[in-house]
Amino acid sequence: QLSIGVAQFDSDRTLSFCNQPFQRVFALPGAYHLDPPSFDRFLDTARDAGRLPETRDFPAWRRELGEWFVAGAAHEDAWTLSDGTHLRIVAQPMPDGGLVLIAEDRTESLALSATRDTLLRTRAATFDSLFESLAVFAPDGRLQLWNRRFGTIWGVPETFLDEHPRIDAVLERVAPRLARPGQRTAIGEAVRAATLDRQQKGGQVLMSDGRTLEFAGVPLPDGNGLLTVLDVTDSK
């Protein structure tokens, strides 16, 4: 019932057991138990089926893998096959001289991770290209994402934002720059309304340097809240 491939080689380095996911990963014949292959023959079969990484000196590489049987600890490796499959390999030597070999197909998870990273980079680049100052807060109030203008408009250093502070800590840094420190409550309420109440709420604050900032908290589909801030001093 496992999705991870598992195989066991005995002290004679002969394949004594493997589950169906292991057979699929390495394209082993279904009747392997009728003529159990040795570890070397297993590698030869997998190589012929294109289920091993391409190596310049296969016999030398095969001998290196044979050292797994006598290693003092488990060995972990990452294999990339010619068809783009990414395998996580774990070789665990056994006290009786055998070896347990685990193969996890991580192709899909790595592809999803790469897609997620691309989306995050795209979203960050989009944020930075906008005129507004933007920040995304999680339901617990922690800062998740922001653009360059967000730190600039509030006079908050990037090093502080890189710590992913909560909204209370951000407002603590912003409060001295407000003409009326009590205005910080309105900003916090906008973030709370967007993340917890799932409602849009906004307002304006007057900065000590004479600027007027208009802000709004907007709920996002993923449960986070977007705080958008715009300098409307010139328009006023």
Protein backbone atom coordinates (compact mmCIF):
# COMPACT_ATOMS: atom_id res chain seq x y z
CA GLN A 1 0.00 0.00 0.00
CA LEU A 2 3.03 2.33 0.12
CA SER A 3 3.66 4.80 -2.67
CA ILE A 4 7.41 4.63 -1.99
CA GLY A 5 9.41 1.81 -3.56
CA VAL A 6 11.05 -0.57 -1.07
CA ALA A 7 13.37 -3.51 -1.77
CA GLN A 8 15.47 -5.79 0.38
CA PHE A 9 18.67 -7.59 -0.63
CA ASP A 10 19.93 -10.44 1.54
CA SER A 11 23.48 -11.08 2.75
CA ASP A 12 24.29 -12.72 -0.62
CA ARG A 13 23.28 -9.43 -2.31
CA THR A 14 20.32 -11.12 -3.94
CA LEU A 15 16.96 -9.38 -4.22
CA SER A 16 14.68 -11.10 -1.72
CA PHE A 17 11.74 -8.73 -1.80
CA CYS A 18 10.45 -5.59 -3.49
CA ASN A 19 7.03 -3.97 -3.55
CA GLN A 20 5.10 -2.93 -6.65
CA PRO A 21 6.15 0.76 -6.59
CA PHE A 22 9.80 -0.38 -6.62
CA GLN A 23 9.10 -2.65 -9.60
CA ARG A 24 7.46 0.21 -11.47
CA VAL A 25 10.22 2.72 -10.72
CA PHE A 26 12.98 0.43 -12.00
CA ALA A 27 10.94 -1.45 -14.63
CA LEU A 28 11.57 -4.87 -13.05
CA PRO A 29 9.74 -7.90 -14.46
CA GLY A 30 6.73 -9.03 -12.46
CA ALA A 31 8.19 -12.55 -12.05
CA TYR A 32 11.44 -11.35 -10.52
CA HIS A 33 10.95 -13.76 -7.60
CA LEU A 34 11.24 -16.76 -9.94
CA ASP A 35 14.82 -15.76 -10.75
CA PRO A 36 15.86 -13.23 -8.10
CA PRO A 37 18.58 -10.98 -9.52
CA SER A 38 21.75 -10.05 -7.72
CA PHE A 39 22.34 -6.41 -6.84
CA ASP A 40 24.64 -5.97 -9.85
CA ARG A 41 22.17 -7.64 -12.21
CA PHE A 42 19.37 -5.49 -10.82
CA LEU A 43 21.41 -2.41 -11.70
CA ASP A 44 22.13 -3.77 -15.17
CA THR A 45 18.43 -4.41 -15.78
CA ALA A 46 17.45 -0.97 -14.54
CA ARG A 47 20.14 0.63 -16.69
CA ASP A 48 18.95 -1.18 -19.82
CA ALA A 49 15.44 0.12 -19.12
CA GLY A 50 16.74 3.69 -18.74
CA ARG A 51 15.86 3.78 -15.04
CA LEU A 52 19.29 4.80 -13.72
CA PRO A 53 21.21 8.08 -13.99
CA GLU A 54 23.56 8.30 -16.93
CA THR A 55 27.17 7.82 -15.83
CA ARG A 56 30.45 7.99 -17.71
CA ASP A 57 31.92 4.84 -16.13
CA PHE A 58 29.01 2.57 -15.22
CA PRO A 59 31.07 -0.40 -13.91
CA ALA A 60 32.96 1.89 -11.49
CA TRP A 61 29.71 3.54 -10.38
CA ARG A 62 28.13 0.13 -9.84
CA ARG A 63 31.04 -0.89 -7.62
CA GLU A 64 30.57 2.30 -5.59
CA LEU A 65 26.92 1.41 -5.01
CA GLY A 66 28.00 -2.06 -3.87
CA GLU A 67 29.80 -0.39 -0.96
CA TRP A 68 26.37 0.44 0.48
CA PHE A 69 26.19 -3.13 1.85
CA VAL A 70 29.20 -2.60 4.10
CA ALA A 71 28.67 1.06 4.96
CA GLY A 72 28.37 1.95 8.62
CA ALA A 73 25.34 4.18 8.14
CA ALA A 74 22.49 4.87 5.75
CA HIS A 75 23.33 6.61 2.50
CA GLU A 76 21.02 9.08 0.75
CA ASP A 77 21.32 10.17 -2.86
CA ALA A 78 19.34 12.02 -5.53
CA TRP A 79 19.05 10.47 -8.97
CA THR A 80 17.84 12.29 -12.08
CA LEU A 81 16.85 9.95 -14.90
CA SER A 82 16.98 10.70 -18.62
CA ASP A 83 13.18 11.08 -18.82
CA GLY A 84 13.22 13.79 -16.14
CA THR A 85 12.23 11.55 -13.23
CA HIS A 86 13.72 12.64 -9.90
CA LEU A 87 14.32 9.89 -7.37
CA ARG A 88 15.31 10.14 -3.73
CA ILE A 89 17.33 7.02 -2.90
CA VAL A 90 18.00 5.79 0.63
CA ALA A 91 20.23 2.75 1.16
CA GLN A 92 20.17 1.26 4.66
CA PRO A 93 22.67 -1.53 5.40
CA MET A 94 21.33 -4.29 7.64
CA PRO A 95 23.15 -6.07 10.51
CA ASP A 96 23.00 -9.41 8.65
CA GLY A 97 24.94 -7.98 5.70
CA GLY A 98 21.88 -7.24 3.58
CA LEU A 99 20.55 -3.93 2.34
CA VAL A 100 17.21 -2.15 2.32
CA LEU A 101 16.82 0.15 -0.68
CA ILE A 102 14.14 2.85 -0.71
CA ALA A 103 13.21 4.82 -3.84
CA GLU A 104 10.88 7.81 -3.63
CA ASP A 105 9.66 9.43 -6.84
CA ARG A 106 9.81 13.16 -6.12
CA THR A 107 9.19 14.32 -9.70
CA GLU A 108 5.70 15.67 -9.05
CA SER A 109 6.53 17.31 -5.73
CA LEU A 110 9.61 19.01 -7.22
CA ALA A 111 7.56 20.19 -10.19
CA LEU A 112 4.92 21.62 -7.85
CA SER A 113 7.63 23.26 -5.77
CA ALA A 114 9.19 24.80 -8.88
CA THR A 115 5.79 26.05 -10.02
CA ARG A 116 5.12 27.53 -6.60
CA ASP A 117 8.51 29.27 -6.57
CA THR A 118 7.81 30.69 -10.03
CA LEU A 119 4.43 31.98 -8.92
CA LEU A 120 5.95 33.55 -5.82
CA ARG A 121 8.67 35.26 -7.86
CA THR A 122 6.07 36.45 -10.37
CA ARG A 123 3.86 37.79 -7.60
CA ALA A 124 6.80 39.56 -5.95
CA ALA A 125 7.86 41.10 -9.28
CA THR A 126 4.29 42.23 -9.91
CA PHE A 127 4.09 43.79 -6.45
CA ASP A 128 7.33 45.69 -6.99
CA SER A 129 6.10 47.11 -10.31
CA LEU A 130 2.96 48.66 -8.80
CA PHE A 131 2.71 52.27 -7.68
CA GLU A 132 0.88 51.37 -4.46
CA SER A 133 2.59 50.11 -1.31
CA LEU A 134 1.44 46.55 -0.67
CA ALA A 135 1.86 43.97 2.07
CA VAL A 136 0.25 40.59 2.69
CA PHE A 137 -0.46 39.48 6.25
CA ALA A 138 -1.39 35.99 7.46
CA PRO A 139 -4.42 35.42 9.73
CA ASP A 140 -2.07 35.39 12.75
CA GLY A 141 -0.90 38.89 11.76
CA ARG A 142 2.53 37.87 10.48
CA LEU A 143 3.90 39.69 7.44
CA GLN A 144 4.18 37.30 4.49
CA LEU A 145 5.00 39.39 1.43
CA TRP A 146 5.57 43.04 0.61
CA ASN A 147 6.88 45.26 -2.13
CA ARG A 148 9.72 47.77 -1.97
CA ARG A 149 7.39 50.74 -1.66
CA PHE A 150 5.85 49.40 1.54
CA GLY A 151 9.00 49.89 3.58
CA THR A 152 9.71 53.23 1.92
CA ILE A 153 6.30 54.78 2.47
CA TRP A 154 6.35 53.92 6.20
CA GLY A 155 10.06 54.54 6.70
CA VAL A 156 10.65 50.95 7.84
CA PRO A 157 14.00 49.28 6.96
CA GLU A 158 14.03 46.15 4.79
CA THR A 159 16.06 44.29 7.42
CA PHE A 160 13.15 44.66 9.82
CA LEU A 161 10.62 43.43 7.26
CA ASP A 162 12.85 40.47 6.38
CA GLU A 163 12.12 39.12 9.88
CA HIS A 164 8.44 38.75 8.89
CA PRO A 165 7.16 40.68 11.94
CA ARG A 166 3.55 40.68 13.07
CA ILE A 167 1.33 43.66 12.36
CA ASP A 168 1.63 44.85 15.98
CA ALA A 169 5.42 45.07 15.65
CA VAL A 170 5.10 46.90 12.33
CA LEU A 171 2.71 49.44 13.84
CA GLU A 172 5.06 49.89 16.78
CA ARG A 173 7.75 51.01 14.34
CA VAL A 174 5.32 53.18 12.38
CA ALA A 175 3.65 54.92 15.35
CA PRO A 176 6.37 57.60 15.88
CA ARG A 177 5.92 58.73 12.26
CA LEU A 178 2.18 59.30 12.62
CA ALA A 179 0.89 62.80 13.36
CA ARG A 180 -1.54 61.21 15.79
CA PRO A 181 -0.17 57.92 17.20
CA GLY A 182 -3.71 56.76 17.91
CA GLN A 183 -4.17 56.29 14.18
CA ARG A 184 -2.22 53.05 14.36
CA THR A 185 -5.34 51.37 15.72
CA ALA A 186 -7.21 52.05 12.49
CA ILE A 187 -4.47 50.41 10.43
CA GLY A 188 -4.43 47.35 12.67
CA GLU A 189 -8.21 47.08 12.45
CA ALA A 190 -8.02 47.11 8.65
CA VAL A 191 -5.59 44.17 8.68
CA ARG A 192 -7.70 42.32 11.24
CA ALA A 193 -10.88 42.87 9.22
CA ALA A 194 -9.22 41.56 6.06
CA THR A 195 -7.68 38.45 7.62
CA LEU A 196 -10.16 37.39 10.30
CA ASP A 197 -13.48 39.04 9.46
CA ARG A 198 -12.92 38.66 5.69
CA GLN A 199 -14.14 42.22 5.14
CA GLN A 200 -12.63 45.20 3.37
CA LYS A 201 -11.90 48.19 5.55
CA GLY A 202 -9.85 51.33 5.03
CA GLY A 203 -9.18 54.92 6.01
CA GLN A 204 -6.59 57.68 6.01
CA VAL A 205 -3.74 58.64 8.31
CA LEU A 206 -1.75 61.87 8.57
CA MET A 207 2.01 61.50 8.87
CA SER A 208 4.20 63.76 10.98
CA ASP A 209 5.96 64.99 7.82
CA GLY A 210 2.67 66.29 6.41
CA ARG A 211 1.88 63.41 4.06
CA THR A 212 -1.60 61.90 3.88
CA LEU A 213 -1.75 58.15 3.33
CA GLU A 214 -4.83 56.26 2.28
CA PHE A 215 -4.94 52.58 3.26
CA ALA A 216 -7.25 49.62 2.83
CA GLY A 217 -7.31 46.04 4.05
CA VAL A 218 -8.57 43.57 1.44
CA PRO A 219 -9.28 39.87 2.13
CA LEU A 220 -7.51 37.45 -0.23
CA PRO A 221 -8.89 34.07 -1.42
CA ASP A 222 -6.14 32.12 0.38
CA GLY A 223 -7.16 33.44 3.81
CA ASN A 224 -4.50 36.14 4.00
CA GLY A 225 -5.15 39.87 3.96
CA LEU A 226 -3.72 42.55 1.66
CA LEU A 227 -2.86 45.97 3.08
CA THR A 228 -2.56 48.55 0.33
CA VAL A 229 -1.28 52.06 1.04
CA LEU A 230 -1.25 55.07 -1.29
CA ASP A 231 0.19 58.54 -0.80
CA VAL A 232 -2.69 60.92 -1.66
CA THR A 233 -1.00 64.11 -0.44
CA ASP A 234 -0.74 65.64 -3.93
CA SER A 235 -4.33 64.84 -4.83
CA LYS A 236 -5.55 66.45 -1.60
